[in-house]
Amino acid sequence: MENKIVTLKQGNKNKQLCCSECGGDNIEWQVWADEFDVVSDGDGTREIWCDDCEEHNKSVLKDDYKKE
């Protein structure tokens, strides 16, 4: 069985979430998808991969990051 990577384009919307450690918005989530491409959030954690930190961290709202 081959791995399939799906990229969803959302246009030029402003990103609302960021990395809890560095504040960067270059973040990715790992999700579960069934054979019909229905995506679930798995265990419900907010764990992300930050391409800026190159670490697994949590996601937070950008407004909340600025308050810290």
Protein backbone atom coordinates (compact mmCIF):
# COMPACT_ATOMS: atom_id res chain seq x y z
CA MET A 1 0.00 0.00 0.00
CA GLU A 2 1.41 3.39 -0.92
CA ASN A 3 1.44 6.47 1.31
CA LYS A 4 -0.64 9.35 0.03
CA ILE A 5 -0.01 12.98 0.95
CA VAL A 6 -2.93 15.33 0.41
CA THR A 7 -2.39 19.08 0.37
CA LEU A 8 -5.42 21.27 0.90
CA LYS A 9 -5.11 24.80 -0.42
CA GLN A 10 -7.12 27.42 1.45
CA GLY A 11 -6.13 30.52 -0.49
CA ASN A 12 -4.56 33.54 1.20
CA LYS A 13 -6.29 33.26 4.56
CA ASN A 14 -4.49 34.59 7.61
CA LYS A 15 -3.11 31.83 9.79
CA GLN A 16 -4.54 31.85 13.32
CA LEU A 17 -2.37 29.19 15.00
CA CYS A 18 1.32 29.09 15.76
CA CYS A 19 3.99 27.08 17.57
CA SER A 20 3.80 27.43 21.36
CA GLU A 21 7.61 27.65 21.60
CA CYS A 22 8.75 30.03 18.85
CA GLY A 23 5.54 31.65 17.58
CA GLY A 24 6.18 30.53 14.01
CA ASP A 25 3.18 29.60 11.86
CA ASN A 26 5.04 27.12 9.67
CA ILE A 27 3.36 24.16 11.42
CA GLU A 28 1.96 20.77 10.40
CA TRP A 29 -0.39 18.22 11.97
CA GLN A 30 -0.43 14.45 11.67
CA VAL A 31 -3.97 13.16 11.19
CA TRP A 32 -5.79 9.90 10.53
CA ALA A 33 -7.79 9.54 7.31
CA ASP A 34 -9.97 6.68 6.14
CA GLU A 35 -10.17 5.31 2.61
CA PHE A 36 -12.66 8.07 1.68
CA ASP A 37 -10.25 10.82 2.85
CA VAL A 38 -12.40 11.57 5.90
CA VAL A 39 -9.95 13.05 8.41
CA SER A 40 -10.12 12.66 12.17
CA ASP A 41 -7.88 14.30 14.75
CA GLY A 42 -6.76 10.98 16.22
CA ASP A 43 -6.22 11.35 19.94
CA GLY A 44 -7.29 15.01 20.06
CA THR A 45 -3.91 16.40 21.10
CA ARG A 46 -2.72 19.70 19.75
CA GLU A 47 0.75 18.32 19.01
CA ILE A 48 2.28 19.76 15.85
CA TRP A 49 5.54 19.68 13.94
CA CYS A 50 7.11 23.12 13.71
CA ASP A 51 9.28 23.55 10.61
CA ASP A 52 10.89 26.60 12.22
CA CYS A 53 11.94 24.88 15.50
CA GLU A 54 12.21 21.43 13.89
CA GLU A 55 10.53 20.06 17.05
CA HIS A 56 7.24 18.55 18.14
CA ASN A 57 5.37 21.20 20.14
CA LYS A 58 1.82 22.35 20.84
CA SER A 59 -0.23 24.77 18.77
CA VAL A 60 -1.70 27.94 20.27
CA LEU A 61 -3.67 30.87 18.94
CA LYS A 62 -1.35 33.64 17.76
CA ASP A 63 -3.10 36.12 20.07
CA ASP A 64 -2.43 33.84 23.05
CA TYR A 65 1.25 33.45 22.12
CA LYS A 66 1.70 37.23 22.09
CA LYS A 67 0.27 37.45 25.64
CA GLU A 68 2.88 35.05 27.09
